[in-house]
Every structure is written in C-alpha cells, then in structure tokens.
Amino acid sequence: MAGRFRSGALATGSGPVQAQGAEEETLKVQHLERATRQLNLRAHSAEDRLMRAMAKFSTIKPTVSSIEACRDGSFEIMTVQSRDELGQVAQWEDHATKLFAPAQVLRAELRAPTETCIVEREVSQFEVVVQLMNGSLNIKVLPDLTIHQVQRDDLDCEEGDRIVQVDGKAITDISELREIVKGKPEFLTLVIENSRSALFTVRDPTAHAWEIVSVPSTSVFREGKLRPGDVVLRVNGTKVTGLDAGKILHEETATVDFVSGDTELSRRIKTKGIMSYVTEVSEVDLSVHEAGYHVSLLSFFPDMYVGNYRVGIFLGSHQIGGGFDFV
C-alpha cells in the first residue's frame, strides 16, 4: 500500500511540474519572438539610414530630356553615380545589407504637372426638434453618438453626423442619450454636428486617379480650390492608387495634388487612364572614375500624356538629387 501511495503521490505531483515546464517553454518562445522583432526593427532602421546616406551623396545624370526622343516605349532615362560622404566613387554593393540590394530598390518616378490645394472640413451644427415614436428616436447611434442609420423621414441628417446636445445639455456618450429617452418625453431638441461628411466625393475610389464628383459646402480651402471634374493624383503626397478613400476623405484636412478638369491632360486621364511604366536598373561598367547604375523606363508610352513632367529617382523613400524636367 505504501508503494502504491508513493506512486500515486508522484503521479499527482507531475501535473504542476508539467504545467511549469510548459509555461517556461511559452516564455522562451515569447522572448525569442520579441528579440526577433527588435532585431528586425534595428535592421530595417539601419537599412533606412544606409539608403538615406547613399541618396544624399550620390548624384544623377540625365541621359534624355525630351519625350520626343522616347517614342519606342523603352529608353534609358538617367545614370545614377554612386558616391560616398567624401564625394568619392563608392560601390553600393560594398555597403548593401542582406535586406536589400540597391538595384532592387532604385525607382524612377514621373510626376505630371499638377496644382495643389489644402482642403479642410468646416464643422457646423444645426438644431432640430423631433418627436419620439413609441418611446424611441428611431435612429441607430454608435457609442460616440455618431449617427449610423436614420429610420425616419422628418430628420434631415446623414450617416456620420453626430448628436452633441439634447434639450440644451451637451452629451458625449450613448448612455446619456438612453437615460434621457427613458424619461419618455414627447419631443426632444437635438443639436447635430455634420463634421463627418467627406472632404469631396469621387467617381471610382479604386481607380489610379480620382475624378471628383462633388465638393460639399462643408469643405473649405486654405490654398487652391477643387471643382467637380478635377482629377486627383495624390493625397498628402501619396498616390491615390490603393488608398482607402473612405478613410482619407473623412480626415479633418488633406493636401491634394490634382489636374484641373478643363485641361487636355485631365481628359487624357479620364479616357485612357493613368500612365504606367516599369523601372529597370542595370549596373554601370565599373571603373576607377565611375560606379553606379543605368535607370531605364520600360512600357512607357508618352502619347498617353501631354505637358511637362518632373522626374525623380528614389532609393527606397529617399530622393537622389533634385530631379529634372522631362518635356
């Protein structure tokens, strides 16, 4: 019996031991994951510093400046001369990290001539008296009092508007509104803020360029002006391709690069779409006096656009030199 008792005691005690071992193993895995994330962050930070330094001290040498010379859809546009902080020839491969090779992150960017405006939302409020229907407002409201859905015809508000006052009392939470409605008043006086409307609306938010359909009266301009028919190419310096229009157009303010709707360029964009091209990079034959890369554009068809272009060459997110005009 004693032997059996001791055996049972050991079996019973193995549970906490196994749990402790599993917990220690989990902690080891979590520690390893944190260490890996920190290592990756440091590596990416080092990579960015390296590319920033390369971009600062290297130079570009345009090899073509006229669209007329580029009718075959493929041509060399510039040479990047790689230099170090002393202005001496430097082979980028000598400094490349395992995360990238310079030829893989070099890219050319052609920017069509655009105008720029800064648009912001003007916050406005209106007051309305509404009658409760069977003890309810018949409005679906989010926790922060943003109106999600209106289920009545006598209330002129939109999804995204927000209730800020009820019967002269400022409220900030749906629980406060519920307490007021519980009192079963016949009428309520609401103050509604319409600051949630879009800065402007666009025809197709998935397109490579956004054609403006309307600009609400709640949008005001600190610089420039947008009109229906204008074509937006960038918002806050980022191409609209892939941007979440529903989110960015509901921000409080935005800097917009656009092409006026009454220009030949905007008509080309609307009918033929945005110009596309592919950046190709090849190494320059290295010598004592020169090291760098040839940058070419492939599948470039200049008939798509009219006007001048500003050409920049980027290493990652860092521009090399000041760019040049391409006319």
C-alpha atoms as a PDB file:
ATOM      1  CA  MET A   1       0.000   0.000   0.000  1.00  0.00           C
ATOM      2  CA  ALA A   2       2.839   2.353   0.880  1.00  0.00           C
ATOM      3  CA  GLY A   3       4.418   1.799  -2.503  1.00  0.00           C
ATOM      4  CA  ARG A   4       1.169   2.416  -4.267  1.00  0.00           C
ATOM      5  CA  PHE A   5       0.630   5.568  -2.197  1.00  0.00           C
ATOM      6  CA  ARG A   6       4.071   6.940  -3.062  1.00  0.00           C
ATOM      7  CA  SER A   7       3.470   6.171  -6.744  1.00  0.00           C
ATOM      8  CA  GLY A   8       0.151   7.996  -6.617  1.00  0.00           C
ATOM      9  CA  ALA A   9       1.756  10.987  -4.956  1.00  0.00           C
ATOM     10  CA  LEU A  10       4.357  11.206  -7.689  1.00  0.00           C
ATOM     11  CA  ALA A  11       1.704  10.992 -10.409  1.00  0.00           C
ATOM     12  CA  THR A  12      -0.366  13.664  -8.729  1.00  0.00           C
ATOM     13  CA  GLY A  13       2.637  15.970  -8.370  1.00  0.00           C
ATOM     14  CA  SER A  14       3.632  15.637 -12.043  1.00  0.00           C
ATOM     15  CA  GLY A  15       0.751  17.901 -13.123  1.00  0.00           C
ATOM     16  CA  PRO A  16       2.230  21.140 -11.670  1.00  0.00           C
ATOM     17  CA  VAL A  17       5.685  20.136 -12.891  1.00  0.00           C
ATOM     18  CA  GLN A  18       4.435  19.673 -16.459  1.00  0.00           C
ATOM     19  CA  ALA A  19       2.479  22.961 -16.289  1.00  0.00           C
ATOM     20  CA  GLN A  20       5.552  24.802 -15.066  1.00  0.00           C
ATOM     21  CA  GLY A  21       7.620  23.326 -17.899  1.00  0.00           C
ATOM     22  CA  ALA A  22       5.038  24.354 -20.490  1.00  0.00           C
ATOM     23  CA  GLU A  23       4.900  27.867 -19.046  1.00  0.00           C
ATOM     24  CA  GLU A  24       8.671  28.184 -19.170  1.00  0.00           C
ATOM     25  CA  GLU A  25       8.664  26.996 -22.791  1.00  0.00           C
ATOM     26  CA  THR A  26       5.986  29.564 -23.682  1.00  0.00           C
ATOM     27  CA  LEU A  27       8.014  32.337 -22.051  1.00  0.00           C
ATOM     28  CA  LYS A  28      11.095  31.253 -24.006  1.00  0.00           C
ATOM     29  CA  VAL A  29       9.143  31.407 -27.290  1.00  0.00           C
ATOM     30  CA  GLN A  30       7.713  34.829 -26.436  1.00  0.00           C
ATOM     31  CA  HIS A  31      11.177  36.115 -25.514  1.00  0.00           C
ATOM     32  CA  LEU A  32      12.575  34.785 -28.802  1.00  0.00           C
ATOM     33  CA  GLU A  33       9.757  36.433 -30.784  1.00  0.00           C
ATOM     34  CA  ARG A  34      10.376  39.801 -29.041  1.00  0.00           C
ATOM     35  CA  ALA A  35      14.095  39.531 -29.681  1.00  0.00           C
ATOM     36  CA  THR A  36      13.447  38.726 -33.363  1.00  0.00           C
ATOM     37  CA  ARG A  37      11.103  41.713 -33.755  1.00  0.00           C
ATOM     38  CA  GLN A  38      13.632  44.035 -32.126  1.00  0.00           C
ATOM     39  CA  LEU A  39      16.388  42.680 -34.350  1.00  0.00           C
ATOM     40  CA  ASN A  40      14.268  43.225 -37.471  1.00  0.00           C
ATOM     41  CA  LEU A  41      13.414  46.778 -36.387  1.00  0.00           C
ATOM     42  CA  ARG A  42      17.095  47.572 -35.860  1.00  0.00           C
ATOM     43  CA  ALA A  43      17.976  46.007 -39.209  1.00  0.00           C
ATOM     44  CA  HIS A  44      15.302  47.991 -41.070  1.00  0.00           C
ATOM     45  CA  SER A  45      16.391  51.169 -39.282  1.00  0.00           C
ATOM     46  CA  ALA A  46      19.992  50.535 -40.299  1.00  0.00           C
ATOM     47  CA  GLU A  47      18.850  49.838 -43.864  1.00  0.00           C
ATOM     48  CA  ASP A  48      16.951  53.126 -43.987  1.00  0.00           C
ATOM     49  CA  ARG A  49      19.932  55.093 -42.637  1.00  0.00           C
ATOM     50  CA  LEU A  50      22.155  53.461 -45.261  1.00  0.00           C
ATOM     51  CA  MET A  51      19.787  54.323 -48.107  1.00  0.00           C
ATOM     52  CA  ARG A  52      19.404  57.882 -46.822  1.00  0.00           C
ATOM     53  CA  ALA A  53      23.183  58.338 -46.811  1.00  0.00           C
ATOM     54  CA  MET A  54      23.516  56.788 -50.284  1.00  0.00           C
ATOM     55  CA  ALA A  55      20.797  59.072 -51.634  1.00  0.00           C
ATOM     56  CA  LYS A  56      22.355  62.172 -50.080  1.00  0.00           C
ATOM     57  CA  PHE A  57      25.847  61.808 -51.525  1.00  0.00           C
ATOM     58  CA  SER A  58      25.090  60.181 -54.873  1.00  0.00           C
ATOM     59  CA  THR A  59      24.138  62.148 -57.980  1.00  0.00           C
ATOM     60  CA  ILE A  60      22.043  61.681 -61.098  1.00  0.00           C
ATOM     61  CA  LYS A  61      22.986  62.408 -64.702  1.00  0.00           C
ATOM     62  CA  PRO A  62      20.026  62.676 -67.115  1.00  0.00           C
ATOM     63  CA  THR A  63      20.581  60.933 -70.437  1.00  0.00           C
ATOM     64  CA  VAL A  64      17.386  62.212 -72.099  1.00  0.00           C
ATOM     65  CA  SER A  65      15.171  65.241 -71.507  1.00  0.00           C
ATOM     66  CA  SER A  66      12.586  65.109 -74.279  1.00  0.00           C
ATOM     67  CA  ILE A  67       9.515  62.917 -74.696  1.00  0.00           C
ATOM     68  CA  GLU A  68      10.061  63.176 -78.437  1.00  0.00           C
ATOM     69  CA  ALA A  69      13.174  61.030 -78.048  1.00  0.00           C
ATOM     70  CA  CYS A  70      11.247  58.238 -76.335  1.00  0.00           C
ATOM     71  CA  ARG A  71       8.667  57.042 -78.829  1.00  0.00           C
ATOM     72  CA  ASP A  72       9.549  53.345 -78.763  1.00  0.00           C
ATOM     73  CA  GLY A  73       8.323  52.785 -75.199  1.00  0.00           C
ATOM     74  CA  SER A  74      11.706  51.779 -73.778  1.00  0.00           C
ATOM     75  CA  PHE A  75      14.687  54.015 -73.151  1.00  0.00           C
ATOM     76  CA  GLU A  76      17.428  54.913 -70.679  1.00  0.00           C
ATOM     77  CA  ILE A  77      16.450  57.998 -68.734  1.00  0.00           C
ATOM     78  CA  MET A  78      19.427  58.624 -66.418  1.00  0.00           C
ATOM     79  CA  THR A  79      22.553  57.313 -64.776  1.00  0.00           C
ATOM     80  CA  VAL A  80      22.960  57.272 -61.010  1.00  0.00           C
ATOM     81  CA  GLN A  81      26.523  57.934 -59.944  1.00  0.00           C
ATOM     82  CA  SER A  82      27.087  56.405 -56.526  1.00  0.00           C
ATOM     83  CA  ARG A  83      29.264  58.428 -54.168  1.00  0.00           C
ATOM     84  CA  ASP A  84      30.206  58.321 -50.507  1.00  0.00           C
ATOM     85  CA  GLU A  85      30.249  61.196 -47.972  1.00  0.00           C
ATOM     86  CA  LEU A  86      33.674  62.291 -49.273  1.00  0.00           C
ATOM     87  CA  GLY A  87      32.390  62.592 -52.822  1.00  0.00           C
ATOM     88  CA  GLN A  88      34.438  59.607 -53.905  1.00  0.00           C
ATOM     89  CA  VAL A  89      33.334  56.713 -56.092  1.00  0.00           C
ATOM     90  CA  ALA A  90      31.618  54.109 -53.946  1.00  0.00           C
ATOM     91  CA  GLN A  91      30.281  50.735 -54.933  1.00  0.00           C
ATOM     92  CA  TRP A  92      26.969  50.349 -53.202  1.00  0.00           C
ATOM     93  CA  GLU A  93      27.326  46.585 -53.096  1.00  0.00           C
ATOM     94  CA  ASP A  94      30.172  47.084 -50.635  1.00  0.00           C
ATOM     95  CA  HIS A  95      27.639  48.558 -48.201  1.00  0.00           C
ATOM     96  CA  ALA A  96      24.491  46.620 -49.087  1.00  0.00           C
ATOM     97  CA  THR A  97      22.775  44.821 -46.244  1.00  0.00           C
ATOM     98  CA  LYS A  98      21.222  41.385 -46.508  1.00  0.00           C
ATOM     99  CA  LEU A  99      17.834  43.101 -46.595  1.00  0.00           C
ATOM    100  CA  PHE A 100      18.285  44.805 -49.924  1.00  0.00           C
ATOM    101  CA  ALA A 101      20.476  45.376 -52.930  1.00  0.00           C
ATOM    102  CA  PRO A 102      20.480  48.958 -54.267  1.00  0.00           C
ATOM    103  CA  ALA A 103      19.401  47.877 -57.746  1.00  0.00           C
ATOM    104  CA  GLN A 104      16.275  46.330 -56.246  1.00  0.00           C
ATOM    105  CA  VAL A 105      15.039  49.495 -54.524  1.00  0.00           C
ATOM    106  CA  LEU A 106      16.014  52.126 -57.074  1.00  0.00           C
ATOM    107  CA  ARG A 107      12.986  53.522 -58.885  1.00  0.00           C
ATOM    108  CA  ALA A 108      12.150  56.378 -61.190  1.00  0.00           C
ATOM    109  CA  GLU A 109       9.050  58.484 -60.652  1.00  0.00           C
ATOM    110  CA  LEU A 110       7.471  60.741 -63.260  1.00  0.00           C
ATOM    111  CA  ARG A 111       5.123  63.370 -61.897  1.00  0.00           C
ATOM    112  CA  ALA A 112       2.685  65.070 -64.230  1.00  0.00           C
ATOM    113  CA  PRO A 113       2.202  68.828 -63.814  1.00  0.00           C
ATOM    114  CA  THR A 114      -0.354  69.327 -61.057  1.00  0.00           C
ATOM    115  CA  GLU A 115      -1.926  72.007 -58.930  1.00  0.00           C
ATOM    116  CA  THR A 116      -2.056  71.719 -55.163  1.00  0.00           C
ATOM    117  CA  CYS A 117      -4.783  72.636 -52.721  1.00  0.00           C
ATOM    118  CA  ILE A 118      -5.283  72.245 -48.987  1.00  0.00           C
ATOM    119  CA  VAL A 119      -8.844  71.357 -48.051  1.00  0.00           C
ATOM    120  CA  GLU A 120     -10.291  71.051 -44.574  1.00  0.00           C
ATOM    121  CA  ARG A 121     -13.686  70.312 -43.102  1.00  0.00           C
ATOM    122  CA  GLU A 122     -15.708  73.137 -41.606  1.00  0.00           C
ATOM    123  CA  VAL A 123     -17.561  71.970 -38.522  1.00  0.00           C
ATOM    124  CA  SER A 124     -21.166  73.175 -38.473  1.00  0.00           C
ATOM    125  CA  GLN A 125     -24.175  72.406 -36.322  1.00  0.00           C
ATOM    126  CA  PHE A 126     -27.924  72.597 -36.680  1.00  0.00           C
ATOM    127  CA  GLU A 127     -30.802  72.279 -34.248  1.00  0.00           C
ATOM    128  CA  VAL A 128     -33.898  70.163 -34.844  1.00  0.00           C
ATOM    129  CA  VAL A 129     -36.971  69.243 -32.757  1.00  0.00           C
ATOM    130  CA  VAL A 130     -38.016  65.601 -33.165  1.00  0.00           C
ATOM    131  CA  GLN A 131     -40.963  63.655 -31.798  1.00  0.00           C
ATOM    132  CA  LEU A 132     -40.356  60.281 -30.200  1.00  0.00           C
ATOM    133  CA  MET A 133     -42.101  57.351 -31.864  1.00  0.00           C
ATOM    134  CA  ASN A 134     -43.312  54.779 -29.360  1.00  0.00           C
ATOM    135  CA  GLY A 135     -40.676  55.991 -26.938  1.00  0.00           C
ATOM    136  CA  SER A 136     -37.848  55.776 -29.484  1.00  0.00           C
ATOM    137  CA  LEU A 137     -35.898  58.212 -31.654  1.00  0.00           C
ATOM    138  CA  ASN A 138     -35.805  55.641 -34.471  1.00  0.00           C
ATOM    139  CA  ILE A 139     -32.124  56.444 -35.059  1.00  0.00           C
ATOM    140  CA  LYS A 140     -29.275  53.947 -34.868  1.00  0.00           C
ATOM    141  CA  VAL A 141     -26.440  55.627 -32.989  1.00  0.00           C
ATOM    142  CA  LEU A 142     -22.884  54.432 -32.321  1.00  0.00           C
ATOM    143  CA  PRO A 143     -21.415  54.645 -28.780  1.00  0.00           C
ATOM    144  CA  ASP A 144     -19.826  58.052 -29.518  1.00  0.00           C
ATOM    145  CA  LEU A 145     -23.226  59.362 -30.735  1.00  0.00           C
ATOM    146  CA  THR A 146     -22.292  59.194 -34.405  1.00  0.00           C
ATOM    147  CA  ILE A 147     -25.455  58.564 -36.409  1.00  0.00           C
ATOM    148  CA  HIS A 148     -25.276  55.220 -38.199  1.00  0.00           C
ATOM    149  CA  GLN A 149     -28.761  54.987 -39.669  1.00  0.00           C
ATOM    150  CA  VAL A 150     -31.860  57.210 -39.733  1.00  0.00           C
ATOM    151  CA  GLN A 151     -35.171  55.365 -39.816  1.00  0.00           C
ATOM    152  CA  ARG A 152     -37.483  58.367 -40.093  1.00  0.00           C
ATOM    153  CA  ASP A 153     -38.275  60.902 -42.838  1.00  0.00           C
ATOM    154  CA  ASP A 154     -38.569  64.063 -40.743  1.00  0.00           C
ATOM    155  CA  LEU A 155     -34.901  64.273 -39.738  1.00  0.00           C
ATOM    156  CA  ASP A 156     -32.564  65.804 -42.321  1.00  0.00           C
ATOM    157  CA  CYS A 157     -29.221  64.324 -41.317  1.00  0.00           C
ATOM    158  CA  GLU A 158     -26.788  61.840 -42.793  1.00  0.00           C
ATOM    159  CA  GLU A 159     -24.818  58.819 -41.709  1.00  0.00           C
ATOM    160  CA  GLY A 160     -21.690  60.105 -39.989  1.00  0.00           C
ATOM    161  CA  ASP A 161     -23.330  63.159 -38.417  1.00  0.00           C
ATOM    162  CA  ARG A 162     -23.124  63.270 -34.614  1.00  0.00           C
ATOM    163  CA  ILE A 163     -25.521  64.268 -31.829  1.00  0.00           C
ATOM    164  CA  VAL A 164     -23.790  66.738 -29.484  1.00  0.00           C
ATOM    165  CA  GLN A 165     -26.677  68.190 -27.426  1.00  0.00           C
ATOM    166  CA  VAL A 166     -30.108  67.107 -26.233  1.00  0.00           C
ATOM    167  CA  ASP A 167     -32.514  69.700 -24.785  1.00  0.00           C
ATOM    168  CA  GLY A 168     -29.651  72.147 -24.249  1.00  0.00           C
ATOM    169  CA  LYS A 169     -27.422  69.626 -22.455  1.00  0.00           C
ATOM    170  CA  ALA A 170     -24.114  68.570 -24.003  1.00  0.00           C
ATOM    171  CA  ILE A 171     -23.713  64.796 -24.192  1.00  0.00           C
ATOM    172  CA  THR A 172     -20.775  62.642 -25.292  1.00  0.00           C
ATOM    173  CA  ASP A 173     -21.906  59.047 -24.791  1.00  0.00           C
ATOM    174  CA  ILE A 174     -24.835  56.910 -25.904  1.00  0.00           C
ATOM    175  CA  SER A 175     -25.639  56.009 -22.277  1.00  0.00           C
ATOM    176  CA  GLU A 176     -26.511  59.662 -21.603  1.00  0.00           C
ATOM    177  CA  LEU A 177     -28.885  59.685 -24.573  1.00  0.00           C
ATOM    178  CA  ARG A 178     -30.560  56.482 -23.369  1.00  0.00           C
ATOM    179  CA  GLU A 179     -31.184  57.961 -19.930  1.00  0.00           C
ATOM    180  CA  ILE A 180     -32.896  60.975 -21.482  1.00  0.00           C
ATOM    181  CA  VAL A 181     -35.061  58.822 -23.765  1.00  0.00           C
ATOM    182  CA  LYS A 182     -36.051  56.613 -20.788  1.00  0.00           C
ATOM    183  CA  GLY A 183     -37.922  59.581 -19.374  1.00  0.00           C
ATOM    184  CA  LYS A 184     -40.330  59.176 -22.335  1.00  0.00           C
ATOM    185  CA  PRO A 185     -40.593  62.836 -23.335  1.00  0.00           C
ATOM    186  CA  GLU A 186     -42.841  63.615 -26.289  1.00  0.00           C
ATOM    187  CA  PHE A 187     -40.307  65.823 -28.044  1.00  0.00           C
ATOM    188  CA  LEU A 188     -36.518  66.263 -27.935  1.00  0.00           C
ATOM    189  CA  THR A 189     -34.448  69.155 -29.206  1.00  0.00           C
ATOM    190  CA  LEU A 190     -31.261  67.803 -30.801  1.00  0.00           C
ATOM    191  CA  VAL A 191     -28.146  69.681 -31.860  1.00  0.00           C
ATOM    192  CA  ILE A 192     -26.418  67.707 -34.616  1.00  0.00           C
ATOM    193  CA  GLU A 193     -22.890  68.268 -35.888  1.00  0.00           C
ATOM    194  CA  ASN A 194     -22.279  67.496 -39.557  1.00  0.00           C
ATOM    195  CA  SER A 195     -18.480  67.487 -39.366  1.00  0.00           C
ATOM    196  CA  ARG A 196     -18.229  63.904 -40.602  1.00  0.00           C
ATOM    197  CA  SER A 197     -19.065  64.488 -44.272  1.00  0.00           C
ATOM    198  CA  ALA A 198     -16.386  63.664 -46.840  1.00  0.00           C
ATOM    199  CA  LEU A 199     -13.951  66.375 -47.971  1.00  0.00           C
ATOM    200  CA  PHE A 200     -15.088  65.545 -51.505  1.00  0.00           C
ATOM    201  CA  THR A 201     -16.607  62.585 -53.347  1.00  0.00           C
ATOM    202  CA  VAL A 202     -15.024  60.690 -56.238  1.00  0.00           C
ATOM    203  CA  ARG A 203     -16.415  58.630 -59.104  1.00  0.00           C
ATOM    204  CA  ASP A 204     -14.313  55.487 -58.627  1.00  0.00           C
ATOM    205  CA  PRO A 205     -12.211  55.226 -55.445  1.00  0.00           C
ATOM    206  CA  THR A 206     -10.432  52.123 -56.825  1.00  0.00           C
ATOM    207  CA  ALA A 207      -9.100  53.939 -59.919  1.00  0.00           C
ATOM    208  CA  HIS A 208      -5.477  55.055 -60.361  1.00  0.00           C
ATOM    209  CA  ALA A 209      -6.740  58.647 -60.494  1.00  0.00           C
ATOM    210  CA  TRP A 210      -9.835  60.006 -58.711  1.00  0.00           C
ATOM    211  CA  GLU A 211     -12.288  62.105 -60.697  1.00  0.00           C
ATOM    212  CA  ILE A 212     -14.109  64.473 -58.350  1.00  0.00           C
ATOM    213  CA  VAL A 213     -17.892  64.255 -58.461  1.00  0.00           C
ATOM    214  CA  SER A 214     -18.846  66.799 -55.809  1.00  0.00           C
ATOM    215  CA  VAL A 215     -17.370  69.104 -53.181  1.00  0.00           C
ATOM    216  CA  PRO A 216     -19.728  69.724 -50.216  1.00  0.00           C
ATOM    217  CA  SER A 217     -20.275  73.170 -48.755  1.00  0.00           C
ATOM    218  CA  THR A 218     -18.665  71.973 -45.507  1.00  0.00           C
ATOM    219  CA  SER A 219     -15.260  71.805 -47.253  1.00  0.00           C
ATOM    220  CA  VAL A 220     -13.179  74.972 -47.139  1.00  0.00           C
ATOM    221  CA  PHE A 221      -9.871  75.690 -48.875  1.00  0.00           C
ATOM    222  CA  ARG A 222      -6.824  77.267 -47.263  1.00  0.00           C
ATOM    223  CA  GLU A 223      -4.993  77.064 -50.579  1.00  0.00           C
ATOM    224  CA  GLY A 224      -6.238  76.438 -54.115  1.00  0.00           C
ATOM    225  CA  LYS A 225      -9.685  75.025 -54.881  1.00  0.00           C
ATOM    226  CA  LEU A 226     -11.209  71.754 -56.086  1.00  0.00           C
ATOM    227  CA  ARG A 227     -14.112  71.501 -58.528  1.00  0.00           C
ATOM    228  CA  PRO A 228     -16.170  68.644 -59.941  1.00  0.00           C
ATOM    229  CA  GLY A 229     -14.312  67.128 -62.909  1.00  0.00           C
ATOM    230  CA  ASP A 230     -10.843  67.722 -61.472  1.00  0.00           C
ATOM    231  CA  VAL A 231      -8.609  64.639 -61.348  1.00  0.00           C
ATOM    232  CA  VAL A 232      -6.774  63.836 -58.103  1.00  0.00           C
ATOM    233  CA  LEU A 233      -3.408  62.059 -58.441  1.00  0.00           C
ATOM    234  CA  ARG A 234      -2.021  62.288 -54.878  1.00  0.00           C
ATOM    235  CA  VAL A 235      -3.345  62.963 -51.383  1.00  0.00           C
ATOM    236  CA  ASN A 236      -0.873  64.025 -48.684  1.00  0.00           C
ATOM    237  CA  GLY A 237       1.959  63.218 -51.090  1.00  0.00           C
ATOM    238  CA  THR A 238       0.835  59.612 -51.684  1.00  0.00           C
ATOM    239  CA  LYS A 239      -0.528  58.304 -54.979  1.00  0.00           C
ATOM    240  CA  VAL A 240      -4.238  57.567 -54.711  1.00  0.00           C
ATOM    241  CA  THR A 241      -3.702  54.054 -56.104  1.00  0.00           C
ATOM    242  CA  GLY A 242      -4.561  51.697 -53.276  1.00  0.00           C
ATOM    243  CA  LEU A 243      -5.537  54.429 -50.798  1.00  0.00           C
ATOM    244  CA  ASP A 244      -8.582  53.879 -48.597  1.00  0.00           C
ATOM    245  CA  ALA A 245     -10.807  56.676 -49.929  1.00  0.00           C
ATOM    246  CA  GLY A 246     -13.444  56.091 -47.267  1.00  0.00           C
ATOM    247  CA  LYS A 247     -10.882  56.812 -44.562  1.00  0.00           C
ATOM    248  CA  ILE A 248      -8.677  59.510 -46.043  1.00  0.00           C
ATOM    249  CA  LEU A 249     -11.583  61.599 -47.384  1.00  0.00           C
ATOM    250  CA  HIS A 250     -13.102  61.731 -43.907  1.00  0.00           C
ATOM    251  CA  GLU A 251      -9.984  63.182 -42.290  1.00  0.00           C
ATOM    252  CA  GLU A 252     -10.131  66.741 -40.991  1.00  0.00           C
ATOM    253  CA  THR A 253      -7.767  68.081 -43.660  1.00  0.00           C
ATOM    254  CA  ALA A 254      -5.826  66.921 -46.724  1.00  0.00           C
ATOM    255  CA  THR A 255      -3.246  68.234 -49.178  1.00  0.00           C
ATOM    256  CA  VAL A 256      -4.353  67.317 -52.689  1.00  0.00           C
ATOM    257  CA  ASP A 257      -2.327  67.245 -55.925  1.00  0.00           C
ATOM    258  CA  PHE A 258      -4.702  67.386 -58.876  1.00  0.00           C
ATOM    259  CA  VAL A 259      -5.090  68.155 -62.580  1.00  0.00           C
ATOM    260  CA  SER A 260      -7.721  70.711 -63.479  1.00  0.00           C
ATOM    261  CA  GLY A 261     -10.755  69.163 -65.173  1.00  0.00           C
ATOM    262  CA  ASP A 262     -10.688  71.599 -68.115  1.00  0.00           C
ATOM    263  CA  THR A 263      -7.197  70.596 -69.341  1.00  0.00           C
ATOM    264  CA  GLU A 264      -6.159  68.239 -72.114  1.00  0.00           C
ATOM    265  CA  LEU A 265      -4.201  66.231 -69.562  1.00  0.00           C
ATOM    266  CA  SER A 266      -7.262  65.526 -67.426  1.00  0.00           C
ATOM    267  CA  ARG A 267      -9.239  64.477 -70.490  1.00  0.00           C
ATOM    268  CA  ARG A 268      -6.489  62.021 -71.435  1.00  0.00           C
ATOM    269  CA  ILE A 269      -6.503  60.563 -67.922  1.00  0.00           C
ATOM    270  CA  LYS A 270     -10.285  60.138 -67.902  1.00  0.00           C
ATOM    271  CA  THR A 271     -10.401  58.429 -71.286  1.00  0.00           C
ATOM    272  CA  LYS A 272      -7.132  56.444 -71.311  1.00  0.00           C
ATOM    273  CA  GLY A 273      -6.221  56.132 -67.655  1.00  0.00           C
ATOM    274  CA  ILE A 274      -3.039  56.945 -65.797  1.00  0.00           C
ATOM    275  CA  MET A 275       0.312  56.482 -67.496  1.00  0.00           C
ATOM    276  CA  SER A 276       2.183  53.347 -66.489  1.00  0.00           C
ATOM    277  CA  TYR A 277       5.809  52.353 -66.831  1.00  0.00           C
ATOM    278  CA  VAL A 278       8.339  49.973 -65.329  1.00  0.00           C
ATOM    279  CA  THR A 279      11.700  50.983 -63.876  1.00  0.00           C
ATOM    280  CA  GLU A 280      14.648  48.829 -64.964  1.00  0.00           C
ATOM    281  CA  VAL A 281      18.040  49.165 -63.278  1.00  0.00           C
ATOM    282  CA  SER A 282      21.362  47.825 -64.543  1.00  0.00           C
ATOM    283  CA  GLU A 283      24.878  48.308 -63.257  1.00  0.00           C
ATOM    284  CA  VAL A 284      27.296  50.682 -64.934  1.00  0.00           C
ATOM    285  CA  ASP A 285      30.573  49.103 -66.015  1.00  0.00           C
ATOM    286  CA  LEU A 286      32.734  49.883 -63.037  1.00  0.00           C
ATOM    287  CA  SER A 287      35.932  51.864 -63.410  1.00  0.00           C
ATOM    288  CA  VAL A 288      38.198  53.952 -61.231  1.00  0.00           C
ATOM    289  CA  HIS A 289      36.222  57.095 -62.081  1.00  0.00           C
ATOM    290  CA  GLU A 290      32.658  55.852 -62.165  1.00  0.00           C
ATOM    291  CA  ALA A 291      30.362  53.482 -60.334  1.00  0.00           C
ATOM    292  CA  GLY A 292      26.626  53.428 -60.458  1.00  0.00           C
ATOM    293  CA  TYR A 293      23.516  52.322 -62.298  1.00  0.00           C
ATOM    294  CA  HIS A 294      21.662  52.909 -65.529  1.00  0.00           C
ATOM    295  CA  VAL A 295      17.962  53.624 -64.988  1.00  0.00           C
ATOM    296  CA  SER A 296      15.566  52.915 -67.851  1.00  0.00           C
ATOM    297  CA  LEU A 297      11.824  53.088 -68.343  1.00  0.00           C
ATOM    298  CA  LEU A 298      10.032  50.189 -69.991  1.00  0.00           C
ATOM    299  CA  SER A 299       6.489  50.108 -71.415  1.00  0.00           C
ATOM    300  CA  PHE A 300       6.355  53.898 -71.409  1.00  0.00           C
ATOM    301  CA  PHE A 301       4.028  55.418 -73.976  1.00  0.00           C
ATOM    302  CA  PRO A 302       4.256  59.222 -73.927  1.00  0.00           C
ATOM    303  CA  ASP A 303       1.207  59.651 -76.158  1.00  0.00           C
ATOM    304  CA  MET A 304      -0.827  58.930 -73.033  1.00  0.00           C
ATOM    305  CA  TYR A 305       0.010  62.341 -71.633  1.00  0.00           C
ATOM    306  CA  VAL A 306       0.705  65.876 -72.714  1.00  0.00           C
ATOM    307  CA  GLY A 307       2.707  68.509 -70.894  1.00  0.00           C
ATOM    308  CA  ASN A 308       5.863  68.597 -68.819  1.00  0.00           C
ATOM    309  CA  TYR A 309       6.938  66.062 -66.205  1.00  0.00           C
ATOM    310  CA  ARG A 310       9.200  66.216 -63.209  1.00  0.00           C
ATOM    311  CA  VAL A 311      11.435  63.153 -62.983  1.00  0.00           C
ATOM    312  CA  GLY A 312      12.883  61.960 -59.696  1.00  0.00           C
ATOM    313  CA  ILE A 313      14.972  58.930 -58.812  1.00  0.00           C
ATOM    314  CA  PHE A 314      14.459  57.349 -55.399  1.00  0.00           C
ATOM    315  CA  LEU A 315      16.424  54.892 -53.316  1.00  0.00           C
ATOM    316  CA  GLY A 316      13.692  53.476 -51.126  1.00  0.00           C
ATOM    317  CA  SER A 317      11.827  56.572 -49.941  1.00  0.00           C
ATOM    318  CA  HIS A 318      14.840  58.905 -50.288  1.00  0.00           C
ATOM    319  CA  GLN A 319      15.256  61.032 -53.397  1.00  0.00           C
ATOM    320  CA  ILE A 320      18.669  61.307 -55.069  1.00  0.00           C
ATOM    321  CA  GLY A 321      19.350  64.871 -56.159  1.00  0.00           C
ATOM    322  CA  GLY A 322      16.621  67.313 -57.108  1.00  0.00           C
ATOM    323  CA  GLY A 323      15.252  65.632 -60.199  1.00  0.00           C
ATOM    324  CA  PHE A 324      14.910  67.175 -63.650  1.00  0.00           C
ATOM    325  CA  ASP A 325      12.276  68.259 -66.165  1.00  0.00           C
ATOM    326  CA  PHE A 326      11.081  65.944 -68.908  1.00  0.00           C
ATOM    327  CA  VAL A 327       9.165  67.807 -71.627  1.00  0.00           C
END
